[in-house]
Amino acid sequence: MAIIAGVTNSFKEEMLKGEHNLSSNTLKIALYSTSASIGPGTTAYTTSGEISGSNYSAGGNTLAGVSITVSGGTVYVDFTDSVWSSATISDVSGALIYNSSVSNKSIAVLDFGVSSGISVSASDFTVKFPSANADDAIIRIS
């Protein structure tokens, strides 16, 4: 099992077909454990390997603050950091961003770079997105 980061292949194809509107669709982020097997080949949200715990609901959080920016020859997407307040969860190793407005189709997989997973007990768990610029944003198209 492994989590492999990247924009999903299906999203790239669906984007060119006009199936996603990141500005108006509902985008979500779900958390996954070290036992998950998700990556660029993942086509849709799955409960397989998704974490569970207090103050975490299956399907994860709705992403807020979606912004799309063009800088030079790069288009990039940014989101407001996603927080699960007072959560008790364990073994978090990555996440899946997906479009719940379009059949829960996948957009991107995040790998948190930890082999043993991250745990919190009655604390906030935050997915902090990188700087919103053409070099660092979580989703970039050049």
Protein backbone atom coordinates (compact mmCIF):
# COMPACT_ATOMS: atom_id res chain seq x y z
CA MET A 1 0.00 0.00 0.00
CA ALA A 2 1.18 3.49 -0.73
CA ILE A 3 0.15 7.08 -1.11
CA ILE A 4 1.67 8.71 -4.18
CA ALA A 5 1.23 12.48 -4.55
CA GLY A 6 0.12 14.18 -7.71
CA VAL A 7 -2.70 15.64 -9.74
CA THR A 8 -4.76 12.65 -10.83
CA ASN A 9 -4.67 11.47 -14.43
CA SER A 10 -8.47 11.34 -14.63
CA PHE A 11 -8.71 14.99 -13.48
CA LYS A 12 -6.33 16.11 -16.23
CA GLU A 13 -8.47 14.39 -18.86
CA GLU A 14 -11.79 15.54 -17.35
CA MET A 15 -10.53 19.11 -17.08
CA LEU A 16 -9.81 19.20 -20.81
CA LYS A 17 -13.31 17.83 -21.42
CA GLY A 18 -14.80 20.62 -19.29
CA GLU A 19 -16.19 18.34 -16.58
CA HIS A 20 -14.89 20.35 -13.60
CA ASN A 21 -15.51 23.96 -12.60
CA LEU A 22 -13.26 24.49 -9.60
CA SER A 23 -14.70 27.97 -9.05
CA SER A 24 -18.29 26.83 -8.51
CA ASN A 25 -18.21 23.08 -7.73
CA THR A 26 -17.97 21.76 -4.16
CA LEU A 27 -14.44 20.49 -3.55
CA LYS A 28 -13.58 18.33 -0.55
CA ILE A 29 -10.50 16.91 1.14
CA ALA A 30 -10.49 13.51 2.84
CA LEU A 31 -7.70 12.10 5.03
CA TYR A 32 -6.07 8.69 4.53
CA SER A 33 -3.99 6.30 6.61
CA THR A 34 -0.71 4.57 5.87
CA SER A 35 -2.74 1.54 4.69
CA ALA A 36 -4.35 3.53 1.85
CA SER A 37 -3.49 2.94 -1.77
CA ILE A 38 -4.16 6.20 -3.60
CA GLY A 39 -2.21 8.08 -6.24
CA PRO A 40 -2.36 9.61 -9.72
CA GLY A 41 -4.38 6.61 -10.93
CA THR A 42 -7.15 7.21 -8.35
CA THR A 43 -10.30 8.23 -10.22
CA ALA A 44 -12.75 9.05 -7.39
CA TYR A 45 -13.15 9.44 -3.65
CA THR A 46 -12.98 6.12 -1.83
CA THR A 47 -13.54 5.09 1.77
CA SER A 48 -10.82 2.43 1.46
CA GLY A 49 -7.96 3.52 3.71
CA GLU A 50 -9.79 6.67 4.87
CA ILE A 51 -9.15 7.48 8.52
CA SER A 52 -11.84 7.64 11.18
CA GLY A 53 -12.01 9.24 14.61
CA SER A 54 -13.75 11.84 16.68
CA ASN A 55 -14.58 15.11 14.90
CA TYR A 56 -13.73 13.54 11.54
CA SER A 57 -16.58 12.59 9.21
CA ALA A 58 -16.19 10.24 6.27
CA GLY A 59 -15.67 12.30 3.14
CA GLY A 60 -13.64 14.93 4.96
CA ASN A 61 -14.01 18.71 4.86
CA THR A 62 -15.37 21.02 2.20
CA LEU A 63 -12.55 23.19 0.89
CA ALA A 64 -13.07 26.94 1.20
CA GLY A 65 -11.38 29.94 -0.34
CA VAL A 66 -10.84 28.38 -3.75
CA SER A 67 -8.91 30.79 -5.95
CA ILE A 68 -7.55 30.32 -9.44
CA THR A 69 -4.73 32.60 -10.57
CA VAL A 70 -2.76 33.03 -13.81
CA SER A 71 0.85 34.12 -13.48
CA GLY A 72 2.98 34.18 -16.61
CA GLY A 73 2.41 30.82 -18.29
CA THR A 74 1.20 29.04 -15.14
CA VAL A 75 -2.32 28.66 -13.78
CA TYR A 76 -2.54 27.64 -10.13
CA VAL A 77 -5.18 26.86 -7.54
CA ASP A 78 -5.14 27.73 -3.86
CA PHE A 79 -7.41 26.82 -0.95
CA THR A 80 -7.86 28.02 2.61
CA ASP A 81 -6.09 25.65 5.02
CA SER A 82 -8.46 22.87 6.12
CA VAL A 83 -8.92 22.27 9.86
CA TRP A 84 -10.55 19.44 11.80
CA SER A 85 -11.12 21.04 15.23
CA SER A 86 -10.59 19.08 18.45
CA ALA A 87 -10.07 15.88 16.48
CA THR A 88 -8.79 12.57 17.76
CA ILE A 89 -7.40 10.75 14.74
CA SER A 90 -4.35 8.63 14.10
CA ASP A 91 -2.17 7.19 11.34
CA VAL A 92 -2.86 10.09 8.91
CA SER A 93 -0.48 9.81 5.99
CA GLY A 94 -2.10 11.72 3.13
CA ALA A 95 -5.23 13.21 1.61
CA LEU A 96 -7.41 13.22 -1.48
CA ILE A 97 -8.88 16.38 -2.97
CA TYR A 98 -12.00 15.57 -4.94
CA ASN A 99 -15.03 17.17 -6.57
CA SER A 100 -18.20 16.17 -4.74
CA SER A 101 -20.31 18.06 -7.32
CA VAL A 102 -19.08 15.78 -10.11
CA SER A 103 -19.58 12.18 -8.92
CA ASN A 104 -16.82 12.53 -6.27
CA LYS A 105 -14.18 12.53 -9.01
CA SER A 106 -10.58 12.85 -7.85
CA ILE A 107 -8.44 15.93 -8.38
CA ALA A 108 -5.18 15.47 -6.47
CA VAL A 109 -3.49 13.21 -3.93
CA LEU A 110 -1.34 14.65 -1.13
CA ASP A 111 1.40 12.63 0.57
CA PHE A 112 2.33 14.04 3.97
CA GLY A 113 5.76 12.38 3.82
CA VAL A 114 5.49 10.39 7.04
CA SER A 115 6.00 6.65 7.25
CA SER A 116 4.24 6.06 10.57
CA GLY A 117 1.32 8.49 10.19
CA ILE A 118 0.36 11.59 12.15
CA SER A 119 -1.87 11.47 15.22
CA VAL A 120 -3.68 14.10 17.28
CA SER A 121 -5.72 13.71 20.43
CA ALA A 122 -8.46 16.30 21.07
CA SER A 123 -6.43 18.81 19.06
CA ASP A 124 -6.76 20.62 15.76
CA PHE A 125 -5.50 18.76 12.70
CA THR A 126 -4.68 21.20 9.89
CA VAL A 127 -3.81 20.59 6.25
CA LYS A 128 -1.75 23.67 5.46
CA PHE A 129 -1.56 24.37 1.76
CA PRO A 130 1.70 25.72 0.31
CA SER A 131 2.19 29.30 -0.83
CA ALA A 132 -0.14 30.42 -3.56
CA ASN A 133 2.25 31.08 -6.40
CA ALA A 134 3.27 29.56 -9.72
CA ASP A 135 6.12 27.58 -8.14
CA ASP A 136 4.55 26.22 -4.95
CA ALA A 137 0.73 26.03 -5.22
CA ILE A 138 -0.81 22.62 -4.62
CA ILE A 139 -2.25 22.42 -8.17
CA ARG A 140 -0.30 24.04 -11.02
CA ILE A 141 -0.60 23.83 -14.76
CA SER A 142 2.27 25.24 -16.82
